[in-house]
Amino acid sequence: MDQEKRINELTEEVESLKRQLAITASLKYHLMPDAYPFFSDISEIDIYADQISLAKVGGDFFDFFRIDHDHIGIVVADIFDGGDAAALYMIAFKLYLMAELSTGFTPAELIEAVNNRLAASNESNLCLSAWFGVYELSTGTITAVNAGHESPILATSKGIHDCENEEVSYLMAVIENITYESYEIRMEPGDTLLLYTDGAIKAGFTREKMGEVLLQNPDQNAEELVGALQDAMMETIGDDRLTDDATFLCFRKEVTA
């Protein structure tokens, strides 16, 4: 084969892959919230999330959405791989999650159903951690399921509550028919719940440091808190670079008159 012709073919293949990657990135990021403030019709809550990705298509995912008039879903997930395959798998996770919402399942049953779907078609041998919670507006209670994910941090007027002792279940997409357990987090006015992915921990930004940022900025809104956390993490890293994607999600229950 003529060398110039082969070079042209390889160039076309590379450009095609770039286009596919761009489409994958667009699909994934279109599935995540991209405006602030969210739920502007609900004065008692404030929620914001952002991520720093190593690659154009990262493996971290977050979302929050209305389930019905009294319930809001919150999710943070992390695929243990990178690139477009991970992004496509995360798209499948989101679509399966939304499909199961209409079943009337409890949070634990919903995660069990999504896990079964993922595990049944896991040809790439990927796995993911996920934290899924349902906030009930009328009671201020979150019913949550932790599928192998980093445990959240709850900042209150009395200090930091460590959620590490709550139920932590298996990673998703590995084995079918796993039973997941749920637990509850009671949110009082002024409380902030922080969810994050392990990229922050790998960067040396410990849970203790995250808690310090939350306590030092009690009056900041969710967007400002995420920014403060990102700044503190990058200050911790110094001249080093992130080795994994890092996502922060802050959920605040506001003090209302």
Protein backbone atom coordinates (compact mmCIF):
# COMPACT_ATOMS: atom_id res chain seq x y z
CA MET A 1 0.00 0.00 0.00
CA ASP A 2 1.21 3.48 -0.85
CA GLN A 3 2.64 5.07 2.30
CA GLU A 4 0.90 8.39 1.74
CA LYS A 5 -2.43 6.63 1.22
CA ARG A 6 -1.95 4.67 4.46
CA ILE A 7 -1.12 7.86 6.35
CA ASN A 8 -4.30 9.46 5.01
CA GLU A 9 -6.38 6.44 6.10
CA LEU A 10 -4.87 6.51 9.60
CA THR A 11 -5.54 10.22 9.82
CA GLU A 12 -9.17 9.65 8.88
CA GLU A 13 -9.46 6.91 11.53
CA VAL A 14 -8.03 9.20 14.18
CA GLU A 15 -10.42 11.99 13.22
CA SER A 16 -13.33 9.53 13.31
CA LEU A 17 -12.35 8.42 16.82
CA LYS A 18 -12.11 12.04 17.91
CA ARG A 19 -15.63 12.68 16.62
CA GLN A 20 -16.95 9.59 18.42
CA LEU A 21 -15.25 10.69 21.63
CA ALA A 22 -16.76 14.15 21.32
CA ILE A 23 -20.22 12.63 20.86
CA THR A 24 -19.72 10.38 23.90
CA ALA A 25 -18.57 13.33 26.00
CA SER A 26 -21.55 15.39 24.87
CA LEU A 27 -24.00 12.60 25.71
CA LYS A 28 -22.57 12.07 29.17
CA TYR A 29 -22.42 15.73 30.14
CA HIS A 30 -25.91 16.38 28.80
CA LEU A 31 -27.14 13.81 31.35
CA MET A 32 -25.76 15.89 34.24
CA PRO A 33 -27.21 19.15 35.60
CA ASP A 34 -25.61 22.20 34.00
CA ALA A 35 -27.40 25.20 35.51
CA TYR A 36 -27.51 26.91 38.89
CA PRO A 37 -29.50 27.42 41.04
CA PHE A 38 -31.44 24.18 40.78
CA PHE A 39 -34.96 23.62 42.13
CA SER A 40 -35.48 27.38 42.35
CA ASP A 41 -39.09 26.71 43.38
CA ILE A 42 -37.92 24.95 46.58
CA SER A 43 -36.50 27.53 48.98
CA GLU A 44 -35.43 25.04 51.64
CA ILE A 45 -32.71 23.28 49.65
CA ASP A 46 -29.58 24.30 47.77
CA ILE A 47 -27.57 21.84 45.70
CA TYR A 48 -24.57 22.11 43.41
CA ALA A 49 -21.91 19.77 41.99
CA ASP A 50 -18.84 20.07 39.83
CA GLN A 51 -15.98 17.86 38.73
CA ILE A 52 -12.39 18.18 37.61
CA SER A 53 -11.69 15.55 34.95
CA LEU A 54 -8.32 14.23 33.84
CA ALA A 55 -9.59 13.30 30.41
CA LYS A 56 -12.11 14.82 28.04
CA VAL A 57 -14.46 12.00 28.99
CA GLY A 58 -14.14 11.20 32.67
CA GLY A 59 -15.53 8.34 34.74
CA ASP A 60 -17.27 10.45 37.41
CA PHE A 61 -20.98 11.15 37.30
CA PHE A 62 -23.49 13.16 39.34
CA ASP A 63 -27.14 14.02 39.06
CA PHE A 64 -30.10 15.35 41.04
CA PHE A 65 -33.71 15.40 39.89
CA ARG A 66 -37.34 15.63 40.96
CA ILE A 67 -38.99 12.27 41.51
CA ASP A 68 -42.33 13.70 42.59
CA HIS A 69 -43.65 16.69 44.55
CA ASP A 70 -42.10 15.43 47.82
CA HIS A 71 -38.97 13.58 46.74
CA ILE A 72 -35.65 14.50 45.11
CA GLY A 73 -33.11 11.97 43.86
CA ILE A 74 -29.37 12.56 44.36
CA VAL A 75 -26.64 10.39 42.88
CA VAL A 76 -22.85 10.38 42.62
CA ALA A 77 -21.03 7.54 40.86
CA ASP A 78 -17.53 6.61 39.77
CA ILE A 79 -16.48 4.04 37.18
CA PHE A 80 -13.14 2.39 37.88
CA ASP A 81 -11.76 3.06 34.43
CA GLY A 82 -11.45 5.99 32.07
CA GLY A 83 -12.17 6.93 28.51
CA ASP A 84 -15.16 6.59 26.27
CA ALA A 85 -16.03 3.03 27.37
CA ALA A 86 -16.44 4.25 30.94
CA ALA A 87 -18.52 7.21 29.79
CA LEU A 88 -20.82 4.99 27.75
CA TYR A 89 -21.25 2.69 30.74
CA MET A 90 -22.14 5.66 32.91
CA ILE A 91 -24.75 6.68 30.34
CA ALA A 92 -26.23 3.19 30.66
CA PHE A 93 -26.22 3.55 34.45
CA LYS A 94 -28.18 6.81 34.23
CA LEU A 95 -30.69 5.42 31.73
CA TYR A 96 -31.27 2.27 33.80
CA LEU A 97 -31.67 4.38 36.94
CA MET A 98 -34.28 6.61 35.34
CA ALA A 99 -36.09 3.61 33.86
CA GLU A 100 -36.45 1.98 37.28
CA LEU A 101 -37.72 5.13 39.00
CA SER A 102 -41.23 4.48 37.73
CA THR A 103 -41.42 1.05 39.38
CA GLY A 104 -42.15 2.31 42.88
CA PHE A 105 -39.08 0.54 44.25
CA THR A 106 -37.41 1.62 47.46
CA PRO A 107 -33.92 3.12 46.95
CA ALA A 108 -32.31 -0.21 47.83
CA GLU A 109 -34.57 -2.16 45.47
CA LEU A 110 -33.91 0.36 42.72
CA ILE A 111 -30.12 0.00 43.04
CA GLU A 112 -30.52 -3.79 43.07
CA ALA A 113 -32.47 -3.62 39.80
CA VAL A 114 -29.93 -1.30 38.15
CA ASN A 115 -27.07 -3.51 39.33
CA ASN A 116 -28.70 -6.56 37.77
CA ARG A 117 -29.06 -4.76 34.44
CA LEU A 118 -25.44 -3.61 34.47
CA ALA A 119 -24.00 -6.94 35.58
CA ALA A 120 -25.98 -8.85 32.96
CA SER A 121 -24.40 -6.91 30.09
CA ASN A 122 -20.93 -6.15 31.43
CA GLU A 123 -18.80 -7.33 28.51
CA SER A 124 -16.10 -4.76 29.29
CA ASN A 125 -15.73 -6.01 32.89
CA LEU A 126 -16.21 -2.52 34.28
CA CYS A 127 -17.46 -1.80 37.77
CA LEU A 128 -18.64 1.30 39.51
CA SER A 129 -19.32 2.71 42.93
CA ALA A 130 -22.45 4.74 43.50
CA TRP A 131 -24.23 6.64 46.23
CA PHE A 132 -27.95 7.15 45.68
CA GLY A 133 -30.22 9.04 48.02
CA VAL A 134 -33.84 10.15 48.03
CA TYR A 135 -34.54 13.34 49.96
CA GLU A 136 -38.05 13.69 51.35
CA LEU A 137 -39.02 17.36 51.53
CA SER A 138 -41.78 16.88 54.10
CA THR A 139 -39.51 15.20 56.68
CA GLY A 140 -36.00 16.42 55.81
CA THR A 141 -34.82 12.80 55.67
CA ILE A 142 -32.57 11.19 53.07
CA THR A 143 -32.93 7.46 52.49
CA ALA A 144 -29.61 6.42 50.97
CA VAL A 145 -27.84 3.42 49.48
CA ASN A 146 -24.05 3.25 49.34
CA ALA A 147 -22.85 0.80 46.68
CA GLY A 148 -19.13 0.72 47.44
CA HIS A 149 -18.77 4.50 47.25
CA GLU A 150 -16.95 6.99 49.46
CA SER A 151 -19.06 7.75 52.53
CA PRO A 152 -20.59 11.24 52.69
CA ILE A 153 -19.78 13.90 55.26
CA LEU A 154 -22.51 15.73 57.15
CA ALA A 155 -21.67 19.19 58.53
CA THR A 156 -24.03 20.48 61.25
CA SER A 157 -24.00 23.26 63.84
CA LYS A 158 -22.53 20.72 66.25
CA GLY A 159 -19.64 19.80 63.95
CA ILE A 160 -18.88 17.01 61.47
CA HIS A 161 -20.88 13.81 61.48
CA ASP A 162 -18.97 10.90 59.99
CA CYS A 163 -21.22 8.71 57.86
CA GLU A 164 -18.55 6.01 57.44
CA ASN A 165 -20.31 3.81 59.98
CA GLU A 166 -23.47 3.68 57.88
CA GLU A 167 -24.33 0.84 55.52
CA VAL A 168 -21.78 0.39 52.70
CA SER A 169 -22.66 -2.31 50.18
CA TYR A 170 -20.99 -3.95 47.20
CA LEU A 171 -19.78 -2.28 44.03
CA MET A 172 -22.19 -2.35 41.11
CA ALA A 173 -22.03 -4.26 37.80
CA VAL A 174 -19.91 -7.10 39.20
CA ILE A 175 -22.38 -9.72 40.44
CA GLU A 176 -26.11 -10.06 39.86
CA ASN A 177 -28.73 -10.48 42.59
CA ILE A 178 -26.88 -8.60 45.32
CA THR A 179 -28.95 -7.31 48.22
CA TYR A 180 -28.34 -3.66 49.05
CA GLU A 181 -29.16 -2.02 52.38
CA SER A 182 -30.35 1.54 52.95
CA TYR A 183 -29.88 3.97 55.82
CA GLU A 184 -31.25 7.37 56.76
CA ILE A 185 -29.69 10.81 57.15
CA ARG A 186 -31.73 13.41 58.99
CA MET A 187 -31.12 16.93 57.65
CA GLU A 188 -31.75 19.92 59.93
CA PRO A 189 -31.86 23.56 58.75
CA GLY A 190 -28.29 24.75 58.19
CA ASP A 191 -26.89 21.23 57.60
CA THR A 192 -24.70 20.45 54.60
CA LEU A 193 -24.17 16.99 53.12
CA LEU A 194 -21.00 16.53 51.05
CA LEU A 195 -20.65 13.77 48.46
CA TYR A 196 -17.40 13.25 46.57
CA THR A 197 -15.42 10.73 44.53
CA ASP A 198 -12.15 9.06 45.46
CA GLY A 199 -10.09 11.28 43.16
CA ALA A 200 -10.05 13.84 45.98
CA ILE A 201 -8.77 11.26 48.47
CA LYS A 202 -6.09 10.08 46.06
CA ALA A 203 -4.93 13.70 45.80
CA GLY A 204 -4.31 13.74 49.55
CA PHE A 205 -7.41 15.80 50.26
CA THR A 206 -8.63 13.86 53.28
CA ARG A 207 -12.08 13.72 54.81
CA GLU A 208 -10.74 15.74 57.73
CA LYS A 209 -9.65 18.53 55.37
CA MET A 210 -13.02 18.46 53.61
CA GLY A 211 -14.75 18.77 56.97
CA GLU A 212 -12.58 21.74 57.88
CA VAL A 213 -13.59 23.55 54.68
CA LEU A 214 -17.27 22.95 55.42
CA LEU A 215 -16.97 24.21 59.02
CA GLN A 216 -14.95 27.28 57.98
CA ASN A 217 -17.60 28.36 55.46
CA PRO A 218 -20.96 27.83 57.19
CA ASP A 219 -22.70 30.70 55.39
CA GLN A 220 -21.61 29.91 51.85
CA ASN A 221 -24.10 28.52 49.36
CA ALA A 222 -23.62 25.13 47.70
CA GLU A 223 -21.83 26.53 44.64
CA GLU A 224 -19.43 28.55 46.78
CA LEU A 225 -18.71 25.54 48.98
CA VAL A 226 -17.83 23.37 45.99
CA GLY A 227 -15.50 26.11 44.77
CA ALA A 228 -13.88 26.36 48.22
CA LEU A 229 -13.39 22.57 48.29
CA GLN A 230 -11.81 22.57 44.84
CA ASP A 231 -9.47 25.42 45.79
CA ALA A 232 -8.44 23.67 49.00
CA MET A 233 -7.84 20.41 47.14
CA MET A 234 -5.65 22.07 44.52
CA GLU A 235 -3.73 23.84 47.30
CA THR A 236 -3.18 20.45 48.94
CA ILE A 237 -1.85 19.00 45.68
CA GLY A 238 0.58 21.87 45.16
CA ASP A 239 2.79 21.26 42.14
CA ASP A 240 1.54 17.69 41.70
CA ARG A 241 -1.28 16.67 39.38
CA LEU A 242 -4.52 14.86 39.97
CA THR A 243 -4.29 11.13 39.31
CA ASP A 244 -8.06 10.62 39.02
CA ASP A 245 -11.23 12.62 38.39
CA ALA A 246 -12.48 14.51 41.44
CA THR A 247 -16.13 15.43 41.99
CA PHE A 248 -17.80 17.33 44.83
CA LEU A 249 -21.55 17.61 45.43
CA CYS A 250 -22.93 19.81 48.21
CA PHE A 251 -26.53 19.50 49.39
CA ARG A 252 -27.67 22.11 51.92
CA LYS A 253 -30.90 22.36 53.87
CA GLU A 254 -31.44 26.07 54.16
CA VAL A 255 -32.61 27.99 57.20
CA THR A 256 -35.97 29.45 56.18
CA ALA A 257 -38.13 32.01 57.93
